[in-house]
Each structure stands twice: as structure tokens, then as C-alpha cells.
């Protein structure tokens, strides 16, 4: 993989805490800074298209995500996404041809100590380089077919459907 296209949609991975409001909000995408700090050996571009909690992503948003990915010239695409509806978005992308697409996110904001964000991003980058064309979800140290995975909210992890 020489180049990675990253499409960001918001979600917990990009949440920041505002003391004056005592709540989390979706901030700027964190992934570009994370990859730069890690000194990755490939080029990448970050295309921020949404700043939403995934519970607020609409069918129109999913079509925007799909159209954005389909229009990219590069084969490898990483999508950062909120975990609650990541699987639904991945299923909308199943018919995008000629690309390896991996969706990932975090159960804790990337800026927080102990966040799973860096681990999930690393797992996704490895998956992107080794998998055939298709759509995948990379969470909790596993790579899933989006037709066979679900988020278990009670256990706060992804598992077989």
C-alpha cells in the first residue's frame, strides 16, 4: 500500500470534552495526527465529511459516504465511524467495486489515556494491506465481515451475529 485514503465521519474516536459545557462533542478528526506521530511509511489524505455521532447518521449520510469512497482514485480506504451504527454503514458500502474498505472507530475518545483508537487504527491499516477487495469492520482486535458482526452494547464489544 503506497497511499491510504481516510474518510472521517465523527463518532467517539473524535470526541472531545468541553469543560464549560460538561459534555462531549465531535471534534476535528484525530487520525491524521495519530498516523503522523507513528511515522507511517505510506502517504495518506484525510477527507472529513461528517462530524456526527453514528446514532445521528442518516440514510442520506450513508449515501454521501458511499459516493465519496467510490469517487476516490486510490484502492485502500479507511473510514473512521461511530461504533453504534458502523455495521449499518459498512453494509451500504458492500457494492463499491475495486476497493478495500475498512471501517473502524473507538469505544473511548482518541485523546483519552487508554483509548482503543490507536490499536484499532493499527489493526485496520494491517487489514487494509492484506485483505482482498471488499468491506470490513476492524474492532477489538478482530476483522469482521459486516454481514456477520454486531455490536454488543452491554459488553461494549463487537461479536459474531
Protein backbone atom coordinates (compact mmCIF):
# COMPACT_ATOMS: atom_id res chain seq x y z
CA UNK A 1 0.00 0.00 0.00
CA UNK A 2 1.52 3.27 -1.11
CA UNK A 3 -1.38 5.54 -0.27
CA UNK A 4 -4.30 5.44 2.16
CA UNK A 5 -7.46 7.49 1.80
CA UNK A 6 -9.17 8.17 5.11
CA UNK A 7 -12.81 9.24 5.26
CA UNK A 8 -13.89 10.54 8.67
CA UNK A 9 -17.49 10.66 9.84
CA UNK A 10 -17.18 11.51 13.54
CA UNK A 11 -18.01 9.13 16.35
CA UNK A 12 -16.38 8.56 19.71
CA UNK A 13 -12.89 8.36 18.18
CA UNK A 14 -13.09 12.13 17.53
CA UNK A 15 -14.99 13.19 20.65
CA UNK A 16 -13.52 15.89 22.86
CA UNK A 17 -14.61 17.08 26.27
CA UNK A 18 -15.59 20.70 26.75
CA UNK A 19 -15.37 21.66 30.43
CA UNK A 20 -17.56 24.72 30.03
CA UNK A 21 -20.40 22.63 28.63
CA UNK A 22 -19.74 19.45 30.65
CA UNK A 23 -20.42 17.26 27.63
CA UNK A 24 -18.66 15.53 24.76
CA UNK A 25 -18.78 16.90 21.25
CA UNK A 26 -17.33 15.64 17.99
CA UNK A 27 -14.07 17.48 17.35
CA UNK A 28 -11.66 17.56 14.44
CA UNK A 29 -10.51 14.20 13.04
CA UNK A 30 -7.70 12.72 15.15
CA UNK A 31 -6.45 10.06 12.75
CA UNK A 32 -4.11 12.24 10.67
CA UNK A 33 -2.26 13.37 13.78
CA UNK A 34 -2.11 9.80 15.10
CA UNK A 35 -0.64 8.43 11.85
CA UNK A 36 1.85 11.30 11.59
CA UNK A 37 3.05 10.69 15.17
CA UNK A 38 3.50 7.00 14.40
CA UNK A 39 5.68 7.80 11.37
CA UNK A 40 3.82 5.52 8.96
CA UNK A 41 5.63 4.50 5.76
CA UNK A 42 2.84 5.44 3.36
CA UNK A 43 1.16 8.64 2.26
CA UNK A 44 -2.38 9.41 3.30
CA UNK A 45 -5.06 12.02 2.94
CA UNK A 46 -7.92 12.72 5.31
CA UNK A 47 -11.35 13.59 3.92
CA UNK A 48 -13.62 14.78 6.74
CA UNK A 49 -17.21 14.55 5.52
CA UNK A 50 -19.25 14.31 8.74
CA UNK A 51 -18.89 15.17 12.42
CA UNK A 52 -21.72 13.11 13.83
CA UNK A 53 -22.38 10.57 16.50
CA UNK A 54 -23.24 7.47 14.49
CA UNK A 55 -26.70 7.33 16.05
CA UNK A 56 -27.44 10.50 14.07
CA UNK A 57 -26.15 9.28 10.70
CA UNK A 58 -29.00 9.23 8.18
CA UNK A 59 -29.52 7.15 5.02
CA UNK A 60 -28.53 10.27 3.05
CA UNK A 61 -25.29 10.50 5.06
CA UNK A 62 -24.54 6.87 4.25
CA UNK A 63 -25.03 7.57 0.55
CA UNK A 64 -22.64 10.54 0.87
CA UNK A 65 -20.07 8.24 2.50
CA UNK A 66 -20.57 5.68 -0.27
CA UNK A 67 -20.33 8.25 -3.07
CA UNK A 68 -17.24 9.85 -1.53
CA UNK A 69 -15.45 6.50 -1.31
CA UNK A 70 -16.47 5.42 -4.81
CA UNK A 71 -15.07 8.67 -6.23
CA UNK A 72 -11.60 8.21 -4.71
CA UNK A 73 -8.77 7.21 -7.05
CA UNK A 74 -6.95 5.05 -4.50
CA UNK A 75 -7.81 1.43 -3.69
CA UNK A 76 -7.29 1.47 0.10
CA UNK A 77 -9.88 3.36 2.16
CA UNK A 78 -10.15 3.60 5.93
CA UNK A 79 -13.37 5.01 7.38
CA UNK A 80 -13.49 6.27 10.96
CA UNK A 81 -17.02 5.92 12.25
CA UNK A 82 -19.01 5.76 15.45
CA UNK A 83 -19.43 2.22 16.69
CA UNK A 84 -23.19 2.16 17.27
CA UNK A 85 -24.13 2.10 13.56
CA UNK A 86 -20.79 1.22 11.95
CA UNK A 87 -22.14 -2.13 10.74
CA UNK A 88 -25.12 -0.49 9.01
CA UNK A 89 -22.83 1.89 7.13
CA UNK A 90 -20.47 -0.95 6.18
CA UNK A 91 -23.39 -2.85 4.67
CA UNK A 92 -24.26 0.14 2.46
CA UNK A 93 -20.69 0.05 1.10
CA UNK A 94 -20.72 -3.63 0.09
CA UNK A 95 -21.30 -2.89 -3.59
CA UNK A 96 -18.44 -0.39 -4.01
CA UNK A 97 -16.14 -2.14 -6.51
CA UNK A 98 -12.34 -2.20 -6.73
CA UNK A 99 -11.54 -1.10 -3.19
CA UNK A 100 -10.50 -2.47 0.16
CA UNK A 101 -12.61 -0.56 2.69
CA UNK A 102 -12.17 -0.94 6.44
CA UNK A 103 -14.36 0.81 8.99
CA UNK A 104 -13.04 1.38 12.49
CA UNK A 105 -13.67 3.58 15.47
CA UNK A 106 -13.11 3.65 19.20
CA UNK A 107 -15.03 2.87 22.33
CA UNK A 108 -13.17 5.72 24.07
CA UNK A 109 -12.09 9.06 22.54
CA UNK A 110 -8.64 9.02 20.89
CA UNK A 111 -7.47 11.85 23.15
CA UNK A 112 -8.10 9.80 26.29
CA UNK A 113 -5.39 7.78 28.02
CA UNK A 114 -6.06 4.09 27.43
CA UNK A 115 -8.23 4.65 24.36
CA UNK A 116 -8.52 1.76 21.93
CA UNK A 117 -8.27 4.21 19.00
CA UNK A 118 -4.58 3.72 18.13
CA UNK A 119 -4.90 -0.07 18.42
CA UNK A 120 -7.98 -0.13 16.16
CA UNK A 121 -6.32 2.15 13.60
CA UNK A 122 -3.22 -0.06 13.54
CA UNK A 123 -5.31 -3.20 13.13
CA UNK A 124 -7.21 -1.51 10.29
CA UNK A 125 -4.04 -0.47 8.46
CA UNK A 126 -2.73 -4.03 8.64
CA UNK A 127 -6.06 -5.39 7.42
CA UNK A 128 -6.17 -2.95 4.52
CA UNK A 129 -2.82 -4.20 3.27
CA UNK A 130 -3.60 -7.91 3.50
CA UNK A 131 -7.26 -8.32 2.54
CA UNK A 132 -8.81 -8.65 -0.91
CA UNK A 133 -11.23 -6.06 -2.24
CA UNK A 134 -14.30 -5.78 -0.07
CA UNK A 135 -15.70 -4.13 3.05
CA UNK A 136 -14.63 -4.98 6.58
CA UNK A 137 -15.11 -3.82 10.17
CA UNK A 138 -11.98 -3.79 12.37
CA UNK A 139 -12.70 -3.55 16.09
CA UNK A 140 -11.49 -5.23 19.28
CA UNK A 141 -8.51 -6.86 17.58
CA UNK A 142 -10.65 -8.67 15.01
CA UNK A 143 -11.56 -8.07 11.39
CA UNK A 144 -15.16 -8.82 10.58
CA UNK A 145 -17.37 -9.27 7.54
CA UNK A 146 -20.10 -6.65 8.16
CA UNK A 147 -22.77 -9.23 7.31
CA UNK A 148 -21.67 -11.39 10.25
CA UNK A 149 -20.96 -8.98 13.11
CA UNK A 150 -22.88 -6.89 15.60
CA UNK A 151 -22.03 -4.54 18.42
CA UNK A 152 -22.90 -5.91 21.83
CA UNK A 153 -23.68 -2.67 23.65
CA UNK A 154 -23.93 -4.33 27.07
CA UNK A 155 -20.43 -5.85 26.76
CA UNK A 156 -19.11 -2.86 24.76
CA UNK A 157 -17.51 -5.01 22.07
CA UNK A 158 -18.12 -6.48 18.63
CA UNK A 159 -19.00 -10.15 18.25
CA UNK A 160 -20.45 -12.61 15.73
CA UNK A 161 -24.04 -12.01 14.66
